[in-house]
Structures are given as structure tokens and as C-alpha cells.
């Protein structure tokens, strides 16, 4: 029965693929898809895995919507008609490929810039503090960063590469490369 749903779902997936190709974002979508294959239990990046992830993984839908919306707001409306997005998951800022959002319930990703392979879990708030330009009031995050459930990362701070922010942590100060930040207020430990 699921096979039939997957076949019928190509009616929605093919236009999304064409939008991604037209906007020249197919490579970054592939990076995102590669990091979200776990959801469907696949190891291959293909039209089939894109189709299955769009059908079953609502967080991945928001990632694709975010990528399209960043390039063309009109085409993002078409995407949203084809694939409704989670209303309790918001994504803003410049984010490199390989974005993964796990369970995205009540999650806000409002940052200035993030590198590749950002992992965000449910209930995370990444946001601004005060007034000023985005680079001054929202976090800048490096490559290979994991922000665990219910953590808060606020302000114009810098989070380095290869950082893990523990569940429930509150981070309001810079975190250097290769560290674990945990607690409220966050304590740093070298990895």
C-alpha cells in the first residue's frame, strides 16, 4: 500500500525537483537530503529518496521550503501548496548544506550564518538579542555543530566548528571550536 502512495506522490515531487533545478539549488538540496536519509532508512540519494522524505519527513519539507523561499518567494508558495510545512518550525539566516532538524516541534532557527552539517533537535531556540544588524544580534555558527533538545542559543555570539550544545543548555557567550557546552548558564568542556 505504501508503494502506491509513493508512486502517486511523484505528482508532487517532480514539480519540486524542477523548481530546485530552475533555482540551481539542487546541490544544496542533495546535501540536506543526504543528512536526512536516516528518516526513511535509505542510503542512496535519488529521486525516490527525495520523494519518500518529502512525503514522510515534515522537518525536511521545511528545509526544502527554506531553501526555495531564500531564492524565490513565489515558487516557495507553490511548494507550500504541494507540501504543507510545519507551522511550529521556523528557519531564518544563511545556512550551509547538510541541515538536519530532528522532530522540529517548537523549534526556531534564527541565525546570521551557519556552516555545513548543522543538526538541530526539538524545542531549540536560536535567536536574536537586542536591536541592531542581524550579524550583531543573531548567532554565527560553524561547521558540524549539534544543538540538542530544548537548548537556547541567543545573541550575536560565535559558535565554533565541531561543537555540541547539550540538551537544555543556555548559551549566551562564544563557544570555541571542538567544545561541548552544557548547563544553564553554559559551561564549556574541550572534546
N, C-alpha and C. Protein backbone atom coordinates (compact mmCIF):
# COMPACT_ATOMS: atom_id res chain seq x y z
N UNK A 1 0.81 -1.19 0.00
CA UNK A 1 0.00 0.00 0.00
C UNK A 1 0.86 1.27 0.00
N UNK A 2 1.95 1.28 0.84
CA UNK A 2 2.84 2.45 0.85
C UNK A 2 3.47 2.68 -0.52
N UNK A 3 3.74 1.60 -1.22
CA UNK A 3 4.34 1.73 -2.54
C UNK A 3 3.45 2.54 -3.46
N UNK A 4 2.14 2.32 -3.36
CA UNK A 4 1.18 3.08 -4.15
C UNK A 4 1.20 4.56 -3.79
N UNK A 5 1.29 4.86 -2.48
CA UNK A 5 1.38 6.26 -2.05
C UNK A 5 2.63 6.91 -2.62
N UNK A 6 3.75 6.18 -2.57
CA UNK A 6 5.00 6.73 -3.11
C UNK A 6 4.87 7.02 -4.60
N UNK A 7 4.26 6.10 -5.35
CA UNK A 7 4.09 6.30 -6.78
C UNK A 7 3.21 7.52 -7.08
N UNK A 8 2.10 7.62 -6.37
CA UNK A 8 1.20 8.76 -6.58
C UNK A 8 1.88 10.07 -6.16
N UNK A 9 2.71 10.01 -5.14
CA UNK A 9 3.35 11.22 -4.63
C UNK A 9 4.32 11.86 -5.61
N UNK A 10 4.79 11.10 -6.62
CA UNK A 10 5.68 11.69 -7.63
C UNK A 10 5.01 12.86 -8.33
N UNK A 11 3.68 12.90 -8.34
CA UNK A 11 2.95 14.01 -8.95
C UNK A 11 3.32 15.32 -8.24
N UNK A 12 3.59 15.26 -6.94
CA UNK A 12 4.01 16.45 -6.19
C UNK A 12 5.53 16.63 -6.21
N UNK A 13 6.27 15.54 -6.25
CA UNK A 13 7.72 15.62 -6.12
C UNK A 13 8.40 16.12 -7.39
N UNK A 14 7.93 15.71 -8.54
CA UNK A 14 8.56 16.14 -9.82
C UNK A 14 8.55 17.67 -9.94
N UNK A 15 7.42 18.36 -9.68
CA UNK A 15 7.48 19.83 -9.75
C UNK A 15 8.48 20.45 -8.77
N UNK A 16 8.61 19.85 -7.58
CA UNK A 16 9.59 20.35 -6.61
C UNK A 16 11.00 20.19 -7.17
N UNK A 17 11.28 19.05 -7.75
CA UNK A 17 12.59 18.83 -8.36
C UNK A 17 12.85 19.85 -9.46
N UNK A 18 11.86 20.13 -10.27
CA UNK A 18 12.02 21.11 -11.35
C UNK A 18 12.26 22.52 -10.80
N UNK A 19 11.58 22.86 -9.71
CA UNK A 19 11.80 24.16 -9.06
C UNK A 19 13.24 24.24 -8.57
N UNK A 20 13.72 23.19 -7.92
CA UNK A 20 15.10 23.17 -7.40
C UNK A 20 16.12 23.29 -8.53
N UNK A 21 15.87 22.61 -9.62
CA UNK A 21 16.77 22.71 -10.78
C UNK A 21 16.74 24.11 -11.37
N UNK A 22 15.55 24.69 -11.50
CA UNK A 22 15.42 26.03 -12.07
C UNK A 22 16.12 27.08 -11.20
N UNK A 23 16.05 26.91 -9.89
CA UNK A 23 16.68 27.85 -8.97
C UNK A 23 18.16 27.53 -8.72
N UNK A 24 18.62 26.43 -9.28
CA UNK A 24 20.01 25.98 -9.14
C UNK A 24 20.39 25.73 -7.68
N UNK A 25 19.46 25.12 -6.95
CA UNK A 25 19.71 24.76 -5.54
C UNK A 25 19.74 23.24 -5.36
N UNK A 26 19.78 22.51 -6.47
CA UNK A 26 19.74 21.06 -6.39
C UNK A 26 20.92 20.47 -5.61
N UNK A 27 22.10 21.09 -5.69
CA UNK A 27 23.26 20.56 -4.97
C UNK A 27 23.10 20.70 -3.46
N UNK A 28 22.62 21.84 -2.99
CA UNK A 28 22.44 22.02 -1.55
C UNK A 28 21.28 21.16 -1.04
N UNK A 29 20.25 20.96 -1.87
CA UNK A 29 19.15 20.06 -1.50
C UNK A 29 19.68 18.63 -1.37
N UNK A 30 20.60 18.23 -2.26
CA UNK A 30 21.21 16.90 -2.17
C UNK A 30 21.99 16.75 -0.86
N UNK A 31 22.72 17.81 -0.45
CA UNK A 31 23.46 17.76 0.82
C UNK A 31 22.49 17.59 1.99
N UNK A 32 21.39 18.35 1.95
CA UNK A 32 20.38 18.24 3.01
C UNK A 32 19.75 16.84 3.00
N UNK A 33 19.42 16.36 1.80
CA UNK A 33 18.80 15.04 1.68
C UNK A 33 19.73 13.95 2.22
N UNK A 34 21.01 14.05 1.90
CA UNK A 34 21.98 13.05 2.36
C UNK A 34 21.96 12.92 3.88
N UNK A 35 21.86 14.07 4.58
CA UNK A 35 21.85 14.04 6.05
C UNK A 35 20.49 13.67 6.63
N UNK A 36 19.47 13.58 5.78
CA UNK A 36 18.12 13.22 6.25
C UNK A 36 17.67 11.85 5.76
N UNK A 37 18.56 11.09 5.15
CA UNK A 37 18.21 9.74 4.68
C UNK A 37 17.86 8.80 5.82
N UNK A 38 18.40 9.06 7.01
CA UNK A 38 18.11 8.23 8.18
C UNK A 38 16.61 8.09 8.40
N UNK A 39 15.86 9.13 8.07
CA UNK A 39 14.43 9.15 8.35
C UNK A 39 13.67 8.07 7.59
N UNK A 40 14.12 7.80 6.39
CA UNK A 40 13.43 6.79 5.57
C UNK A 40 14.21 5.48 5.51
N UNK A 41 15.33 5.39 6.23
CA UNK A 41 16.10 4.15 6.26
C UNK A 41 16.77 3.83 4.94
N UNK A 42 17.23 4.85 4.26
CA UNK A 42 17.86 4.66 2.96
C UNK A 42 19.31 5.13 3.03
N UNK A 43 20.11 4.68 2.07
CA UNK A 43 21.50 5.13 1.99
C UNK A 43 21.77 5.84 0.67
N UNK A 44 20.80 5.89 -0.21
CA UNK A 44 21.01 6.42 -1.55
C UNK A 44 20.28 7.74 -1.77
N UNK A 45 21.00 8.70 -2.35
CA UNK A 45 20.37 9.95 -2.78
C UNK A 45 19.80 9.69 -4.17
N UNK A 46 18.50 9.81 -4.29
CA UNK A 46 17.84 9.56 -5.56
C UNK A 46 16.50 10.28 -5.58
N UNK A 47 15.86 10.26 -6.71
CA UNK A 47 14.51 10.84 -6.81
C UNK A 47 13.57 10.10 -5.87
N UNK A 48 13.76 8.80 -5.73
CA UNK A 48 12.92 8.01 -4.83
C UNK A 48 13.10 8.43 -3.38
N UNK A 49 14.35 8.67 -2.93
CA UNK A 49 14.57 9.08 -1.55
C UNK A 49 14.07 10.50 -1.31
N UNK A 50 14.17 11.37 -2.31
CA UNK A 50 13.59 12.71 -2.21
C UNK A 50 12.08 12.60 -2.06
N UNK A 51 11.47 11.78 -2.88
CA UNK A 51 10.03 11.57 -2.86
C UNK A 51 9.56 11.06 -1.49
N UNK A 52 10.25 10.06 -0.97
CA UNK A 52 9.86 9.48 0.33
C UNK A 52 10.06 10.47 1.47
N UNK A 53 11.17 11.21 1.45
CA UNK A 53 11.42 12.19 2.51
C UNK A 53 10.40 13.32 2.48
N UNK A 54 10.07 13.80 1.28
CA UNK A 54 9.06 14.86 1.20
C UNK A 54 7.70 14.38 1.68
N UNK A 55 7.38 13.12 1.42
CA UNK A 55 6.09 12.57 1.84
C UNK A 55 6.04 12.36 3.35
N UNK A 56 7.13 11.87 3.95
CA UNK A 56 7.08 11.41 5.34
C UNK A 56 7.76 12.34 6.36
N UNK A 57 8.73 13.14 5.95
CA UNK A 57 9.55 13.90 6.88
C UNK A 57 9.18 15.39 6.81
N UNK A 58 8.32 15.84 7.72
CA UNK A 58 7.85 17.23 7.70
C UNK A 58 8.96 18.23 7.97
N UNK A 59 9.95 17.86 8.77
CA UNK A 59 11.08 18.76 9.02
C UNK A 59 11.89 18.96 7.74
N UNK A 60 12.06 17.89 6.97
CA UNK A 60 12.77 18.01 5.69
C UNK A 60 11.99 18.92 4.75
N UNK A 61 10.67 18.84 4.78
CA UNK A 61 9.85 19.75 3.95
C UNK A 61 10.18 21.20 4.29
N UNK A 62 10.28 21.51 5.58
CA UNK A 62 10.59 22.89 5.97
C UNK A 62 11.97 23.31 5.48
N UNK A 63 12.92 22.38 5.47
CA UNK A 63 14.26 22.69 4.97
C UNK A 63 14.19 23.02 3.49
N UNK A 64 13.48 22.20 2.71
CA UNK A 64 13.35 22.45 1.28
C UNK A 64 12.62 23.77 1.04
N UNK A 65 11.55 24.01 1.81
CA UNK A 65 10.81 25.28 1.70
C UNK A 65 11.76 26.45 1.98
N UNK A 66 12.54 26.34 3.05
CA UNK A 66 13.51 27.39 3.40
C UNK A 66 14.46 27.66 2.24
N UNK A 67 14.99 26.62 1.62
CA UNK A 67 15.94 26.78 0.51
C UNK A 67 15.26 27.47 -0.68
N UNK A 68 14.05 27.05 -1.02
CA UNK A 68 13.33 27.65 -2.15
C UNK A 68 12.96 29.09 -1.82
N UNK A 69 12.42 29.33 -0.63
CA UNK A 69 11.99 30.66 -0.22
C UNK A 69 13.14 31.66 -0.25
N UNK A 70 14.33 31.19 0.08
CA UNK A 70 15.52 32.04 0.07
C UNK A 70 15.83 32.56 -1.33
N UNK A 71 15.47 31.78 -2.35
CA UNK A 71 15.77 32.15 -3.74
C UNK A 71 14.58 32.79 -4.45
N UNK A 72 13.36 32.35 -4.14
CA UNK A 72 12.20 32.84 -4.88
C UNK A 72 10.93 32.65 -4.04
N UNK A 73 10.40 33.73 -3.54
CA UNK A 73 9.24 33.66 -2.66
C UNK A 73 7.99 33.14 -3.37
N UNK A 74 7.83 33.46 -4.64
CA UNK A 74 6.67 32.98 -5.40
C UNK A 74 6.69 31.47 -5.56
N UNK A 75 7.85 30.92 -5.90
CA UNK A 75 7.95 29.47 -6.06
C UNK A 75 7.83 28.75 -4.72
N UNK A 76 8.19 29.43 -3.64
CA UNK A 76 8.02 28.81 -2.33
C UNK A 76 6.54 28.64 -1.99
N UNK A 77 5.70 29.53 -2.49
CA UNK A 77 4.25 29.39 -2.30
C UNK A 77 3.73 28.15 -3.02
N UNK A 78 4.25 27.91 -4.22
CA UNK A 78 3.86 26.70 -4.97
C UNK A 78 4.29 25.47 -4.18
N UNK A 79 5.53 25.50 -3.65
CA UNK A 79 5.99 24.37 -2.84
C UNK A 79 5.06 24.15 -1.66
N UNK A 80 4.68 25.23 -0.97
CA UNK A 80 3.84 25.12 0.22
C UNK A 80 2.45 24.57 -0.11
N UNK A 81 1.97 24.82 -1.32
CA UNK A 81 0.69 24.22 -1.75
C UNK A 81 0.87 22.73 -1.97
N UNK A 82 1.99 22.35 -2.58
CA UNK A 82 2.26 20.94 -2.85
C UNK A 82 2.54 20.17 -1.56
N UNK A 83 3.33 20.78 -0.69
CA UNK A 83 3.74 20.14 0.57
C UNK A 83 3.56 21.11 1.73
N UNK A 84 2.48 21.01 2.47
CA UNK A 84 2.31 21.88 3.63
C UNK A 84 3.48 21.71 4.61
N UNK A 85 3.90 22.82 5.21
CA UNK A 85 5.04 22.78 6.11
C UNK A 85 4.58 22.83 7.56
N UNK A 86 5.50 22.48 8.48
CA UNK A 86 5.22 22.56 9.91
C UNK A 86 5.18 24.03 10.32
N UNK A 87 4.12 24.43 10.99
CA UNK A 87 3.98 25.82 11.41
C UNK A 87 4.79 26.13 12.67
N UNK A 88 5.18 25.11 13.42
CA UNK A 88 5.94 25.35 14.65
C UNK A 88 7.44 25.15 14.46
N UNK A 89 7.90 25.30 13.22
CA UNK A 89 9.32 25.20 12.89
C UNK A 89 9.67 26.35 11.95
N UNK A 90 10.52 27.26 12.42
CA UNK A 90 10.90 28.42 11.62
C UNK A 90 12.40 28.38 11.36
N UNK A 91 12.80 28.78 10.14
CA UNK A 91 14.21 28.78 9.76
C UNK A 91 14.52 30.11 9.07
N UNK A 92 15.53 30.83 9.61
CA UNK A 92 15.98 32.09 9.03
C UNK A 92 17.50 32.15 9.08
N UNK A 93 18.11 32.82 8.10
CA UNK A 93 19.56 33.02 8.09
C UNK A 93 20.20 32.32 6.91
N UNK A 94 21.52 32.41 6.84
CA UNK A 94 22.29 31.75 5.79
C UNK A 94 22.85 30.45 6.37
N UNK A 95 22.39 29.32 5.83
CA UNK A 95 22.78 28.03 6.38
C UNK A 95 23.37 27.16 5.27
N UNK A 96 24.54 26.60 5.54
CA UNK A 96 25.19 25.72 4.59
C UNK A 96 24.45 24.41 4.42
N UNK A 97 24.90 23.60 3.48
CA UNK A 97 24.26 22.32 3.19
C UNK A 97 24.38 21.34 4.33
N UNK A 98 23.53 20.32 4.29
CA UNK A 98 23.56 19.29 5.31
C UNK A 98 22.77 19.64 6.55
N UNK A 99 21.78 20.52 6.42
CA UNK A 99 20.95 20.90 7.56
C UNK A 99 20.02 19.74 7.92
N UNK A 100 20.01 19.38 9.20
CA UNK A 100 19.13 18.33 9.71
C UNK A 100 18.39 18.86 10.91
N UNK A 101 17.07 18.69 10.91
CA UNK A 101 16.26 19.08 12.05
C UNK A 101 15.49 17.85 12.49
N UNK A 102 15.74 17.45 13.73
CA UNK A 102 15.12 16.26 14.28
C UNK A 102 13.87 16.64 15.07
N UNK A 103 12.75 16.16 14.68
CA UNK A 103 11.47 16.32 15.38
C UNK A 103 11.00 17.75 15.51
N UNK A 104 11.63 18.73 14.99
CA UNK A 104 11.36 20.15 14.96
C UNK A 104 10.19 20.78 15.69
N UNK A 105 9.62 20.14 16.69
CA UNK A 105 8.48 20.72 17.40
C UNK A 105 8.94 21.94 18.18
N UNK A 106 8.26 23.07 17.97
CA UNK A 106 8.56 24.29 18.72
C UNK A 106 9.98 24.78 18.53
N UNK A 107 10.51 24.65 17.32
CA UNK A 107 11.91 24.98 17.05
C UNK A 107 12.00 26.26 16.23
N UNK A 108 12.91 27.16 16.65
CA UNK A 108 13.17 28.39 15.91
C UNK A 108 14.67 28.44 15.62
N UNK A 109 15.01 28.52 14.34
CA UNK A 109 16.39 28.66 13.91
C UNK A 109 16.49 30.03 13.24
N UNK A 110 16.89 31.03 14.02
CA UNK A 110 17.00 32.40 13.55
C UNK A 110 18.44 32.84 13.81
N UNK A 111 19.28 32.63 12.81
CA UNK A 111 20.69 32.91 12.98
C UNK A 111 21.20 33.80 11.86
N UNK A 112 22.41 34.30 12.03
CA UNK A 112 23.01 35.11 10.98
C UNK A 112 23.58 34.21 9.89
N UNK A 113 24.43 33.28 10.32
CA UNK A 113 25.09 32.40 9.36
C UNK A 113 25.47 31.10 10.05
N UNK A 114 25.36 29.99 9.32
CA UNK A 114 25.81 28.69 9.83
C UNK A 114 26.52 27.95 8.71
N UNK A 115 27.50 27.15 9.09
CA UNK A 115 28.25 26.36 8.13
C UNK A 115 27.50 25.08 7.76
N UNK A 116 28.25 24.10 7.30
CA UNK A 116 27.67 22.83 6.86
C UNK A 116 27.38 21.92 8.05
N UNK A 117 26.42 21.02 7.82
CA UNK A 117 26.10 19.95 8.76
C UNK A 117 25.65 20.45 10.13
N UNK A 118 24.69 21.35 10.13
CA UNK A 118 24.08 21.81 11.37
C UNK A 118 22.95 20.85 11.72
N UNK A 119 22.98 20.32 12.95
CA UNK A 119 21.92 19.44 13.45
C UNK A 119 21.20 20.15 14.58
N UNK A 120 19.87 20.22 14.47
CA UNK A 120 19.06 20.91 15.47
C UNK A 120 17.96 19.95 15.91
N UNK A 121 17.76 19.84 17.22
CA UNK A 121 16.75 18.94 17.78
C UNK A 121 15.53 19.73 18.24
N UNK A 122 14.50 19.02 18.69
CA UNK A 122 13.23 19.65 19.03
C UNK A 122 13.35 20.66 20.16
N UNK A 123 12.52 21.68 20.08
CA UNK A 123 12.44 22.68 21.13
C UNK A 123 13.59 23.64 21.22
N UNK A 124 14.49 23.64 20.25
CA UNK A 124 15.65 24.53 20.26
C UNK A 124 15.22 25.94 19.85
N UNK A 125 15.81 26.92 20.51
CA UNK A 125 15.65 28.31 20.10
C UNK A 125 17.02 28.88 19.81
N UNK A 126 17.21 29.29 18.57
CA UNK A 126 18.40 30.03 18.16
C UNK A 126 17.86 31.39 17.75
N UNK A 127 18.26 32.45 18.47
CA UNK A 127 17.60 33.70 18.19
C UNK A 127 18.40 34.94 18.48
N UNK A 128 17.69 36.06 18.33
CA UNK A 128 18.34 37.36 18.46
C UNK A 128 18.21 37.91 19.87
N UNK A 129 19.05 38.89 20.13
CA UNK A 129 19.04 39.56 21.43
C UNK A 129 19.31 41.04 21.17
N UNK A 130 18.34 41.86 21.47
CA UNK A 130 18.52 43.29 21.31
C UNK A 130 18.21 43.80 19.92
N UNK A 131 18.68 45.01 19.66
CA UNK A 131 18.46 45.66 18.36
C UNK A 131 19.79 45.82 17.65
N UNK A 132 19.73 45.87 16.34
CA UNK A 132 20.93 46.05 15.54
C UNK A 132 20.85 45.21 14.28
N UNK A 133 21.97 45.11 13.58
CA UNK A 133 22.01 44.32 12.35
C UNK A 133 21.97 42.83 12.72
N UNK A 134 21.54 42.01 11.76
CA UNK A 134 21.46 40.55 12.01
C UNK A 134 22.79 39.99 12.50
N UNK A 135 23.90 40.46 11.93
CA UNK A 135 25.21 39.92 12.32
C UNK A 135 25.56 40.28 13.75
N UNK A 136 24.96 41.36 14.28
CA UNK A 136 25.26 41.79 15.65
C UNK A 136 24.34 41.14 16.69
N UNK A 137 23.15 40.72 16.29
CA UNK A 137 22.18 40.26 17.30
C UNK A 137 21.80 38.78 17.18
N UNK A 138 22.27 38.09 16.13
CA UNK A 138 21.96 36.67 15.98
C UNK A 138 23.26 35.86 15.89
N UNK A 139 23.22 34.59 16.29
CA UNK A 139 24.43 33.76 16.33
C UNK A 139 25.02 33.46 14.95
N UNK A 140 26.33 33.29 14.94
CA UNK A 140 27.06 32.77 13.79
C UNK A 140 27.59 31.41 14.23
N UNK A 141 27.30 30.38 13.45
CA UNK A 141 27.60 29.00 13.83
C UNK A 141 28.51 28.36 12.79
N UNK A 142 29.50 27.63 13.25
CA UNK A 142 30.46 26.98 12.37
C UNK A 142 29.94 25.67 11.76
N UNK A 143 30.86 24.86 11.26
CA UNK A 143 30.55 23.57 10.63
C UNK A 143 30.42 22.47 11.69
N UNK A 144 29.61 21.47 11.38
CA UNK A 144 29.49 20.25 12.20
C UNK A 144 29.08 20.56 13.64
N UNK A 145 28.00 21.29 13.79
CA UNK A 145 27.50 21.68 15.10
C UNK A 145 26.19 20.96 15.37
N UNK A 146 26.04 20.42 16.58
CA UNK A 146 24.79 19.80 17.02
C UNK A 146 24.25 20.59 18.20
N UNK A 147 22.98 20.97 18.09
CA UNK A 147 22.32 21.69 19.17
C UNK A 147 21.18 20.81 19.64
N UNK A 148 21.33 20.27 20.84
CA UNK A 148 20.42 19.24 21.36
C UNK A 148 19.13 19.83 21.91
N UNK A 149 18.18 18.96 22.23
CA UNK A 149 16.81 19.32 22.58
C UNK A 149 16.72 20.42 23.64
N UNK A 150 15.83 21.35 23.38
CA UNK A 150 15.47 22.43 24.31
C UNK A 150 16.62 23.36 24.68
N UNK A 151 17.68 23.38 23.89
CA UNK A 151 18.77 24.33 24.13
C UNK A 151 18.38 25.70 23.60
N UNK A 152 19.01 26.72 24.17
CA UNK A 152 18.79 28.10 23.74
C UNK A 152 20.14 28.72 23.42
N UNK A 153 20.26 29.28 22.23
CA UNK A 153 21.48 29.95 21.78
C UNK A 153 21.05 31.34 21.33
N UNK A 154 21.47 32.37 22.07
CA UNK A 154 20.94 33.70 21.82
C UNK A 154 22.05 34.74 21.71
N UNK A 155 21.81 35.69 20.81
CA UNK A 155 22.66 36.87 20.70
C UNK A 155 23.68 36.78 19.59
N UNK A 156 24.43 37.83 19.43
CA UNK A 156 25.44 37.92 18.38
C UNK A 156 26.72 37.20 18.76
N UNK A 157 26.59 35.93 19.10
CA UNK A 157 27.74 35.13 19.56
C UNK A 157 28.27 34.26 18.42
N UNK A 158 29.43 33.71 18.64
CA UNK A 158 30.06 32.82 17.66
C UNK A 158 30.17 31.43 18.27
N UNK A 159 29.67 30.45 17.54
CA UNK A 159 29.79 29.04 17.92
C UNK A 159 30.77 28.43 16.92
N UNK A 160 31.85 27.85 17.40
CA UNK A 160 32.90 27.33 16.53
C UNK A 160 32.52 26.05 15.81
N UNK A 161 33.49 25.44 15.17
CA UNK A 161 33.33 24.19 14.44
C UNK A 161 33.36 23.01 15.40
N UNK A 162 32.67 21.94 15.05
CA UNK A 162 32.69 20.68 15.81
C UNK A 162 32.26 20.89 17.27
N UNK A 163 31.16 21.59 17.45
CA UNK A 163 30.64 21.91 18.78
C UNK A 163 29.36 21.13 19.02
N UNK A 164 29.18 20.67 20.26
CA UNK A 164 27.92 20.08 20.69
C UNK A 164 27.37 20.95 21.82
N UNK A 165 26.13 21.35 21.69
CA UNK A 165 25.46 22.10 22.75
C UNK A 165 24.44 21.15 23.37
N UNK A 166 24.63 20.87 24.64
CA UNK A 166 23.84 19.87 25.34
C UNK A 166 22.38 20.26 25.51
N UNK A 167 21.56 19.26 25.76
CA UNK A 167 20.12 19.45 25.94
C UNK A 167 19.86 20.40 27.10
N UNK A 168 18.95 21.34 26.88
CA UNK A 168 18.54 22.28 27.91
C UNK A 168 19.54 23.37 28.24
N UNK A 169 20.63 23.44 27.51
CA UNK A 169 21.66 24.44 27.79
C UNK A 169 21.21 25.83 27.35
N UNK A 170 21.76 26.83 28.01
CA UNK A 170 21.53 28.22 27.62
C UNK A 170 22.89 28.83 27.30
N UNK A 171 23.09 29.18 26.03
CA UNK A 171 24.37 29.68 25.56
C UNK A 171 24.21 31.14 25.15
N UNK A 172 24.92 32.02 25.83
CA UNK A 172 24.86 33.46 25.53
C UNK A 172 26.25 34.04 25.30
N UNK A 173 27.29 33.17 25.31
CA UNK A 173 28.66 33.61 25.08
C UNK A 173 29.30 32.73 24.02
N UNK A 174 30.36 33.20 23.40
CA UNK A 174 31.05 32.47 22.35
C UNK A 174 31.48 31.08 22.83
N UNK A 175 31.47 30.13 21.89
CA UNK A 175 31.93 28.77 22.16
C UNK A 175 33.02 28.46 21.13
N UNK A 176 34.27 28.18 21.57
CA UNK A 176 35.34 27.90 20.61
C UNK A 176 35.18 26.53 19.94
N UNK A 177 36.00 26.29 18.93
CA UNK A 177 35.99 25.02 18.21
C UNK A 177 36.19 23.84 19.17
N UNK A 178 35.64 22.70 18.76
CA UNK A 178 35.87 21.42 19.44
C UNK A 178 35.51 21.42 20.92
N UNK A 179 34.37 21.99 21.24
CA UNK A 179 33.91 22.05 22.63
C UNK A 179 32.52 21.47 22.77
N UNK A 180 32.20 21.12 24.01
CA UNK A 180 30.84 20.77 24.40
C UNK A 180 30.40 21.87 25.35
N UNK A 181 29.22 22.42 25.10
CA UNK A 181 28.65 23.42 26.00
C UNK A 181 27.43 22.80 26.65
N UNK A 182 27.35 22.88 27.98
CA UNK A 182 26.23 22.26 28.67
C UNK A 182 25.88 23.07 29.92
N UNK A 183 24.60 23.04 30.28
CA UNK A 183 24.14 23.69 31.50
C UNK A 183 23.54 25.05 31.27
N UNK A 184 23.07 25.65 32.39
CA UNK A 184 22.46 26.97 32.36
C UNK A 184 22.99 27.76 33.55
N UNK A 185 23.88 28.72 33.32
CA UNK A 185 24.48 29.11 32.06
C UNK A 185 25.48 28.06 31.57
N UNK A 186 25.73 28.05 30.29
CA UNK A 186 26.57 27.00 29.68
C UNK A 186 27.99 27.01 30.22
N UNK A 187 28.49 25.81 30.48
CA UNK A 187 29.88 25.56 30.88
C UNK A 187 30.54 24.89 29.67
N UNK A 188 31.78 25.21 29.40
CA UNK A 188 32.49 24.66 28.24
C UNK A 188 33.46 23.58 28.66
N UNK A 189 33.54 22.55 27.82
CA UNK A 189 34.50 21.46 28.03
C UNK A 189 35.07 21.08 26.67
N UNK A 190 36.40 20.98 26.58
CA UNK A 190 37.06 20.56 25.34
C UNK A 190 36.68 19.14 25.00
N UNK A 191 36.48 18.85 23.74
CA UNK A 191 36.15 17.50 23.29
C UNK A 191 37.39 16.66 23.11
